[in-house]
Amino acid sequence: MNAEQFIEKNVQAELKKLGFSLSIAQMASNMALDHYRKSSQASRKGGLFDDCLNVAKAWAIKYSGGKKK
């Protein structure tokens, strides 16, 4: 499993665990991958996945109407 597959799989799993629909989780994981591809550094050491997850959560909340579904 490469880094992009890891991010996609784990972001989707975390968002589904938080109660977001599968379609929102998939779209948000794509946004996380875009963030990963654009980022050359994490905000802190070892935190690139956390940064990607935060981007995905923010996107999911915004586009699901602010509610977990």
C-alpha atoms as a PDB file:
ATOM      1  CA  MET A   1       0.000   0.000   0.000  1.00  0.00           C
ATOM      2  CA  ASN A   2       1.463   3.339  -1.001  1.00  0.00           C
ATOM      3  CA  ALA A   3       0.943   6.639   0.833  1.00  0.00           C
ATOM      4  CA  GLU A   4      -1.985   7.768  -1.318  1.00  0.00           C
ATOM      5  CA  GLN A   5      -3.841   4.494  -0.825  1.00  0.00           C
ATOM      6  CA  PHE A   6      -3.205   4.692   2.925  1.00  0.00           C
ATOM      7  CA  ILE A   7      -4.583   8.227   3.133  1.00  0.00           C
ATOM      8  CA  GLU A   8      -7.639   7.423   1.025  1.00  0.00           C
ATOM      9  CA  LYS A   9      -8.532   4.257   2.946  1.00  0.00           C
ATOM     10  CA  ASN A  10      -7.975   5.658   6.425  1.00  0.00           C
ATOM     11  CA  VAL A  11      -9.624   9.038   5.810  1.00  0.00           C
ATOM     12  CA  GLN A  12     -12.733   7.296   4.476  1.00  0.00           C
ATOM     13  CA  ALA A  13     -12.791   4.915   7.453  1.00  0.00           C
ATOM     14  CA  GLU A  14     -12.455   7.770   9.947  1.00  0.00           C
ATOM     15  CA  LEU A  15     -15.190   9.844   8.323  1.00  0.00           C
ATOM     16  CA  LYS A  16     -17.569   6.870   8.175  1.00  0.00           C
ATOM     17  CA  LYS A  17     -16.819   6.243  11.849  1.00  0.00           C
ATOM     18  CA  LEU A  18     -17.797   9.862  12.533  1.00  0.00           C
ATOM     19  CA  GLY A  19     -21.126   9.268  10.814  1.00  0.00           C
ATOM     20  CA  PHE A  20     -20.668  10.802   7.369  1.00  0.00           C
ATOM     21  CA  SER A  21     -22.228   9.110   4.354  1.00  0.00           C
ATOM     22  CA  LEU A  22     -20.089   7.035   2.017  1.00  0.00           C
ATOM     23  CA  SER A  23     -20.373   9.554  -0.816  1.00  0.00           C
ATOM     24  CA  ILE A  24     -19.271  12.454   1.400  1.00  0.00           C
ATOM     25  CA  ALA A  25     -16.418  10.331   2.779  1.00  0.00           C
ATOM     26  CA  GLN A  26     -15.234   9.471  -0.736  1.00  0.00           C
ATOM     27  CA  MET A  27     -15.322  13.070  -1.929  1.00  0.00           C
ATOM     28  CA  ALA A  28     -13.596  14.281   1.227  1.00  0.00           C
ATOM     29  CA  SER A  29     -10.869  11.662   0.844  1.00  0.00           C
ATOM     30  CA  ASN A  30     -10.241  13.013  -2.662  1.00  0.00           C
ATOM     31  CA  MET A  31      -9.777  16.470  -1.151  1.00  0.00           C
ATOM     32  CA  ALA A  32      -7.358  14.976   1.375  1.00  0.00           C
ATOM     33  CA  LEU A  33      -5.385  13.401  -1.482  1.00  0.00           C
ATOM     34  CA  ASP A  34      -5.265  16.750  -3.289  1.00  0.00           C
ATOM     35  CA  HIS A  35      -3.898  18.310  -0.104  1.00  0.00           C
ATOM     36  CA  TYR A  36      -1.309  15.518   0.176  1.00  0.00           C
ATOM     37  CA  ARG A  37      -0.171  16.003  -3.411  1.00  0.00           C
ATOM     38  CA  LYS A  38       0.176  19.776  -2.986  1.00  0.00           C
ATOM     39  CA  SER A  39       1.862  19.662   0.415  1.00  0.00           C
ATOM     40  CA  SER A  40       5.569  19.291   0.666  1.00  0.00           C
ATOM     41  CA  GLN A  41       5.611  19.512   4.463  1.00  0.00           C
ATOM     42  CA  ALA A  42       3.350  18.766   7.378  1.00  0.00           C
ATOM     43  CA  SER A  43       2.429  21.379   9.955  1.00  0.00           C
ATOM     44  CA  ARG A  44       4.377  19.321  12.487  1.00  0.00           C
ATOM     45  CA  LYS A  45       6.670  16.315  12.425  1.00  0.00           C
ATOM     46  CA  GLY A  46       4.779  13.162  11.493  1.00  0.00           C
ATOM     47  CA  GLY A  47       1.549  15.076  11.003  1.00  0.00           C
ATOM     48  CA  LEU A  48       0.907  14.956   7.265  1.00  0.00           C
ATOM     49  CA  PHE A  49      -1.870  12.372   7.645  1.00  0.00           C
ATOM     50  CA  ASP A  50      -3.456  14.471  10.402  1.00  0.00           C
ATOM     51  CA  ASP A  51      -3.325  17.524   8.144  1.00  0.00           C
ATOM     52  CA  CYS A  52      -5.005  15.576   5.342  1.00  0.00           C
ATOM     53  CA  LEU A  53      -7.654  14.268   7.732  1.00  0.00           C
ATOM     54  CA  ASN A  54      -8.384  17.777   8.996  1.00  0.00           C
ATOM     55  CA  VAL A  55      -8.848  19.006   5.418  1.00  0.00           C
ATOM     56  CA  ALA A  56     -11.211  16.106   4.728  1.00  0.00           C
ATOM     57  CA  LYS A  57     -13.224  16.705   7.921  1.00  0.00           C
ATOM     58  CA  ALA A  58     -13.599  20.402   7.154  1.00  0.00           C
ATOM     59  CA  TRP A  59     -14.719  19.636   3.619  1.00  0.00           C
ATOM     60  CA  ALA A  60     -17.158  16.936   4.790  1.00  0.00           C
ATOM     61  CA  ILE A  61     -18.746  19.220   7.373  1.00  0.00           C
ATOM     62  CA  LYS A  62     -19.080  22.060   4.874  1.00  0.00           C
ATOM     63  CA  TYR A  63     -20.618  19.980   2.101  1.00  0.00           C
ATOM     64  CA  SER A  64     -22.879  17.813   4.216  1.00  0.00           C
ATOM     65  CA  GLY A  65     -24.771  20.857   5.427  1.00  0.00           C
ATOM     66  CA  GLY A  66     -22.778  21.091   8.650  1.00  0.00           C
ATOM     67  CA  LYS A  67     -24.326  17.898   9.968  1.00  0.00           C
ATOM     68  CA  LYS A  68     -22.950  14.410  10.257  1.00  0.00           C
ATOM     69  CA  LYS A  69     -25.225  12.047   8.374  1.00  0.00           C
END
